Protein backbone atom coordinates (compact mmCIF):
# COMPACT_ATOMS: atom_id res chain seq x y z
CA MET A 1 -38.44 23.84 -2.93
CA SER A 2 -37.29 25.79 0.10
CA SER A 3 -33.98 27.52 0.62
CA LEU A 4 -33.30 24.94 3.35
CA ALA A 5 -33.26 22.25 0.68
CA ASP A 6 -30.72 24.25 -1.32
CA GLN A 7 -28.54 24.57 1.79
CA LEU A 8 -28.68 20.79 2.30
CA LEU A 9 -27.68 20.28 -1.33
CA VAL A 10 -24.69 22.60 -0.86
CA LEU A 11 -23.63 20.45 2.11
CA CYS A 12 -23.96 17.38 -0.10
CA LEU A 13 -21.62 18.99 -2.64
CA LEU A 14 -19.08 19.71 0.11
CA ILE A 15 -19.29 16.07 1.22
CA ASN A 16 -18.41 15.03 -2.34
CA PHE A 17 -15.13 16.94 -2.02
CA ALA A 18 -14.51 15.44 1.42
CA VAL A 19 -14.75 11.93 -0.05
CA LEU A 20 -12.59 12.81 -3.06
CA GLY A 21 -9.84 14.28 -0.90
CA THR A 22 -9.38 11.65 1.82
CA SER A 23 -7.58 8.32 1.92
CA ARG A 24 -9.32 7.14 5.10
CA LEU A 25 -12.01 4.63 4.22
CA ALA A 26 -13.92 4.92 7.50
CA PHE A 27 -14.10 8.71 7.12
CA SER A 28 -15.43 8.31 3.57
CA VAL A 29 -18.11 5.93 4.76
CA ARG A 30 -19.20 8.31 7.52
CA ALA A 31 -19.25 11.22 5.06
CA VAL A 32 -21.48 9.28 2.66
CA ALA A 33 -23.67 8.28 5.62
CA LEU A 34 -24.09 11.95 6.55
CA GLN A 35 -24.94 12.73 2.94
CA GLY A 36 -27.55 9.98 3.03
CA VAL A 37 -29.13 11.47 6.15
CA LEU A 38 -29.26 14.91 4.51
CA LEU A 39 -30.88 13.42 1.42
CA GLY A 40 -33.37 11.60 3.61
CA VAL A 41 -34.66 14.97 4.84
CA LEU A 42 -35.20 16.35 1.33
CA PRO A 43 -38.42 14.42 0.50
CA ALA A 44 -40.03 15.95 3.59
CA LEU A 45 -39.27 19.38 2.12
CA VAL A 46 -40.84 18.45 -1.22
CA HIS A 47 -43.93 16.37 -0.38
CA PRO A 48 -46.77 17.54 1.86
CA PHE A 49 -46.54 15.98 5.30
CA SER A 50 -48.17 12.61 5.95
CA TRP A 51 -47.42 9.74 8.29
CA HIS A 52 -46.63 7.59 5.27
CA LEU A 53 -44.08 10.15 4.14
CA ALA A 54 -42.63 10.33 7.65
CA LEU A 55 -42.16 6.55 7.64
CA ILE A 56 -40.40 6.67 4.27
CA VAL A 57 -38.13 9.52 5.42
CA VAL A 58 -37.16 7.62 8.56
CA SER A 59 -36.51 4.50 6.48
CA ILE A 60 -34.30 6.41 4.03
CA MET A 61 -32.31 7.96 6.85
CA ALA A 62 -31.95 4.61 8.60
CA VAL A 63 -30.83 2.70 5.50
CA LYS A 64 -28.57 5.38 4.01
CA GLY A 65 -27.29 6.72 7.32
CA ALA A 66 -26.95 3.60 9.46
CA VAL A 67 -27.56 0.17 7.90
CA ILE A 68 -25.46 0.43 4.74
CA PRO A 69 -22.57 2.33 6.42
CA ALA A 70 -22.50 -0.27 9.21
CA LEU A 71 -22.18 -3.05 6.63
CA ILE A 72 -19.28 -1.29 4.92
CA ILE A 73 -17.52 -0.46 8.19
CA ASN A 74 -17.81 -4.13 9.13
CA ALA A 75 -16.24 -5.08 5.76
CA ILE A 76 -13.40 -2.62 6.41
CA LYS A 77 -12.70 -4.18 9.80
CA ARG A 78 -12.76 -7.71 8.41
CA ALA A 79 -10.46 -6.77 5.54
CA GLU A 80 -8.16 -4.98 8.03
CA ILE A 81 -7.56 -1.96 5.82
CA GLN A 82 -7.80 1.65 6.94
CA ARG A 83 -6.52 3.73 4.02
CA GLU A 84 -6.04 3.68 0.30
CA PHE A 85 -2.45 4.73 -0.25
CA VAL A 86 -1.97 4.41 -4.02
CA PRO A 87 -5.17 5.22 -5.92
CA PHE A 88 -5.29 5.31 -9.72
CA ILE A 89 -5.97 9.05 -9.48
CA GLY A 90 -4.24 10.96 -6.67
CA TYR A 91 -6.23 12.90 -4.09
CA ILE A 92 -5.16 16.38 -5.19
CA PRO A 93 -5.95 15.60 -8.86
CA SER A 94 -9.25 14.08 -7.69
CA LEU A 95 -10.17 17.33 -5.95
CA VAL A 96 -9.22 19.35 -9.03
CA LEU A 97 -11.23 17.05 -11.30
CA GLY A 98 -14.12 17.14 -8.82
CA ALA A 99 -14.13 20.94 -8.88
CA LEU A 100 -14.00 20.92 -12.69
CA LEU A 101 -16.84 18.40 -12.96
CA THR A 102 -18.93 20.35 -10.46
CA SER A 103 -18.43 23.53 -12.49
CA LEU A 104 -19.41 21.68 -15.67
CA ALA A 105 -22.50 20.34 -13.90
CA PHE A 106 -23.65 23.88 -13.09
CA ILE A 107 -22.93 25.06 -16.64
CA PHE A 108 -24.75 22.09 -18.18
CA ALA A 109 -27.73 22.43 -15.81
CA ALA A 110 -28.08 26.11 -16.73
CA LYS A 111 -28.48 25.17 -20.40
CA LEU A 112 -31.12 22.49 -19.86
CA PRO A 113 -34.70 23.33 -20.85
CA LEU A 114 -36.13 22.85 -17.36
CA ALA A 115 -39.66 23.63 -16.27
CA PRO A 116 -40.07 27.16 -14.84
CA GLU A 117 -40.60 25.82 -11.31
CA HIS A 118 -37.31 23.92 -11.53
CA ALA A 119 -35.19 26.67 -13.06
CA GLY A 120 -32.66 28.14 -10.68
CA LEU A 121 -32.80 25.23 -8.24
CA LEU A 122 -29.68 23.33 -7.16
CA VAL A 123 -31.27 19.92 -7.70
CA VAL A 124 -29.97 19.30 -11.22
CA PRO A 125 -26.39 20.59 -10.76
CA ALA A 126 -26.10 18.88 -7.35
CA SER A 127 -27.38 15.65 -8.87
CA LEU A 128 -24.96 15.74 -11.81
CA ALA A 129 -22.01 16.79 -9.62
CA THR A 130 -22.68 14.01 -7.10
CA LEU A 131 -23.15 11.44 -9.86
CA MET A 132 -19.86 12.41 -11.53
CA SER A 133 -18.02 12.55 -8.20
CA GLY A 134 -19.18 9.01 -7.47
CA PHE A 135 -18.04 7.89 -10.91
CA LEU A 136 -14.65 9.55 -10.29
CA VAL A 137 -14.27 7.65 -7.00
CA LEU A 138 -15.40 4.44 -8.67
CA MET A 139 -12.84 4.75 -11.46
CA GLY A 140 -10.00 6.38 -9.51
CA ARG A 141 -9.67 4.05 -6.53
CA ARG A 142 -8.05 0.64 -6.33
CA LYS A 143 -9.75 -0.86 -3.27
CA ALA A 144 -13.04 -2.64 -3.82
CA ILE A 145 -14.48 -0.98 -0.70
CA SER A 146 -13.60 2.46 -2.07
CA GLN A 147 -15.43 1.55 -5.25
CA VAL A 148 -18.50 0.63 -3.21
CA ILE A 149 -18.34 4.14 -1.72
CA GLY A 150 -18.24 5.55 -5.25
CA TYR A 151 -21.30 3.46 -6.10
CA LEU A 152 -23.11 4.93 -3.09
CA LEU A 153 -22.25 8.48 -4.22
CA MET A 154 -23.61 7.74 -7.67
CA GLU A 155 -26.83 6.40 -6.18
CA ASN A 156 -27.15 9.55 -4.08
CA GLY A 157 -26.83 11.63 -7.26
CA ILE A 158 -29.62 9.64 -8.91
CA PHE A 159 -31.73 10.06 -5.77
CA ILE A 160 -31.28 13.86 -5.88
CA PHE A 161 -32.37 13.96 -9.52
CA GLY A 162 -35.49 11.99 -8.59
CA LEU A 163 -36.64 14.96 -6.51
CA LEU A 164 -37.55 16.71 -9.76
CA LEU A 165 -40.21 14.05 -10.25
CA ALA A 166 -41.49 14.36 -6.71
CA ASP A 167 -44.98 15.37 -7.82
CA ALA A 168 -45.31 12.59 -10.38
CA MET A 169 -43.31 9.81 -8.71
CA PRO A 170 -45.00 7.87 -5.92
CA VAL A 171 -43.08 7.74 -2.67
CA MET A 172 -42.97 3.95 -2.90
CA VAL A 173 -40.72 4.26 -5.96
CA GLU A 174 -38.16 5.92 -3.70
CA ALA A 175 -38.45 2.97 -1.32
CA GLY A 176 -37.93 0.65 -4.30
CA ALA A 177 -34.75 2.52 -5.22
CA LEU A 178 -33.49 2.00 -1.68
CA LEU A 179 -34.20 -1.71 -2.00
CA ASP A 180 -32.19 -1.86 -5.23
CA LEU A 181 -29.34 -0.03 -3.50
CA LEU A 182 -29.43 -2.41 -0.54
CA VAL A 183 -29.32 -5.44 -2.83
CA GLY A 184 -26.42 -3.92 -4.77
CA VAL A 185 -24.42 -3.30 -1.60
CA PHE A 186 -25.09 -6.86 -0.40
CA VAL A 187 -23.79 -8.19 -3.72
CA MET A 188 -20.67 -6.01 -3.45
CA GLY A 189 -20.24 -7.19 0.14
CA ILE A 190 -20.33 -10.81 -0.98
CA VAL A 191 -17.76 -10.07 -3.69
CA ILE A 192 -15.47 -8.29 -1.22
CA ASN A 193 -15.83 -11.13 1.28
CA HIS A 194 -14.84 -13.76 -1.29
CA ILE A 195 -11.92 -11.67 -2.54
CA SER A 196 -10.60 -11.17 0.99
CA ARG A 197 -10.86 -14.92 1.66
CA GLU A 198 -9.08 -16.02 -1.50
CA PHE A 199 -6.49 -13.28 -1.91
CA SER A 200 -4.30 -11.18 0.34
CA THR A 201 -5.42 -7.88 -1.20
CA LEU A 202 -8.56 -5.99 -2.17
CA ASP A 203 -6.68 -4.12 -4.88
CA THR A 204 -8.93 -4.61 -7.92
CA SER A 205 -6.09 -3.80 -10.33
CA ARG A 206 -4.42 -7.08 -9.39
CA LEU A 207 -7.44 -9.08 -10.49
CA SER A 208 -6.35 -8.49 -14.08
CA ALA A 209 -3.31 -10.67 -13.36
CA LEU A 210 -5.48 -13.74 -12.79
CA ARG A 211 -5.28 -16.33 -15.56
CA GLU A 212 -6.86 -19.71 -16.08
CA GLU A 213 -4.46 -22.58 -15.74
């Protein structure tokens, strides 16, 4: 894997911190969209070039960088929310925890018995750091839309880890993962839409107050 791929993975790690440290939902969506575009380039750096691969790369970049972010931005506009003011975990603590988890990801990846061709690459630590950052957003935010963003970060982490299997995994499996992601986001969109219709808030912590009569 080329040094360019490692540079893209470093940018992906920086985007994780950008999402952890901001309260603006639209900015978070655009950051995750940029991360998706960067990840869409990575298969082209791993697989030998073919028109089939080029089609898959364009599809990944379109879905991760345009289609899914547009759906979430539309949900944000319909819900008429711009920021998350009172998360479960504050933004400064989120950044500190994100830095700690990223450090642990590098330490853990260094101890894994990886194949010689994979040793020293940023794929495993970047994958684990992105996955844990997404989980931190998912658990530390109140708004359902913020939790969807965390879900997207987690999926990006899984996608990065899949690059280790690039030689053994057919490219169509990557397209199948995108389809699963798209279905998941549609389901979350439906949930958010119904919540916004029935209740005056998208704060998921208030759902625990619901009781059957």
